[in-house]
Amino acid sequence: MLRSKVFFVSVVSAAALFALSLHAAEGERSTAYPNRPVRFIVPYAPGAGTDTTARAIAAKLSERWGQQVVVDNRTGGGGHIGIEYTAKANPDGYTIGLITASHATAAASGQKLGYDIVKDLQPISHATSVFYVVYVPSSMPVKSIRELIAYAKVNPGKLNYGTSGMGSLQHFAGELMSHMAGIRMVHIAYKGSAPIITAMLANEVHLGFNSMFSVRPQVQAGRLRWIAMTASKRSATVDLPTVAESGLPGYEVNQWYGVTTSAKVSAAIVQRLNAAITESLQAPEVAQRLSAEGSDVVGSTPEQFGAYIKSDVSKWSKLIREANLTLK
């Protein structure tokens, strides 16, 4: 009996020592992190707002760590190929990815993706928020959201809006407006934002949702008119009322960007990444650069960002159910 007890204690002690050694080894790895280049996956093409955001963060991280942070534009699949790559990469913390609100709308719409936005990804930090402006051709007889809603009610089914694709955030922005206002607008999907503007200049499209900087040249030239912004509060960048204060209380559409990694990356490394990224976002030169692109710097804990992603997926899932949307 004594031998059995001694053996049991020995096994327990060995297991405890093994666990401690693993913990110590993990601590050493996280303390040394990063000791080689980090790959920052951007699932969209160079030159886009996502690319600009990632490069601003990457430059500051490289400076902080003394290790190169390489931006890797892995495009395709509507922005999902790069995120799937991030989710399935070696979970050592040396592959991070830029995720956006469009990935949340895809998850809400039930698209068949190669990853689960909640189970396969570990949020690191909410990076920025990017508001849309609601814009119309200068020939449209509306100058506010209230006038737009009134026009739609007098002309049911005749008002259309262009988006960058079925199930995109722009599509959901239009459907949310229709649902909340009790109006019916016809959705027209294009392959990207540039064709929408071209169609609008030809008076083929009546309404659009896009970043301020995408449409500013045409607004300044007097060809387009922006009538509101989709943020929850006014921006210091442009003097525009929000949709919420213009007749649709509670309306908000946020094209957010954030940083994520594989769900299997250790908590210690995630915390180091979070500290470095949130500090980088607060650097004046980074904040100024992103502000010039129409972005508001956020920064958050991994837990806060994870909760935000879940709430965004829930918000768009609810819209799909209540508005009985068919996303095909």
Foldseek 3Di string as FASTA:
>chain_A
DVVVVVVVVVVVVVVVVVVVVVVVVLVVLLVPPPPEEAEEEEADDPPDLSNLLVVLLQVLLCVVPVYHYHYDHNYDPPSQVRVLCQLPDDQALRYKYKDKLLVLLCQLQPPDGNDHPQQRKQFQKFWWWFKKFKKFFLPDPDQALVRVLVVQVVVAAPAEEEDLAFSGLFVLLVLVSCVQSVGDYHYDHDNDDVVRVVCRLVVNHGITIDTCVVCVVCVVVRGMHTRAIQALADDPVDPHHHNCVRPRPPGHRITTMGMIGTPPHDPSNSNVVLVSSLVSSPPVVSQVSSVVVRIHTDRDGSVVVSVVSVVSSVVSSVSCVVSVDDRD
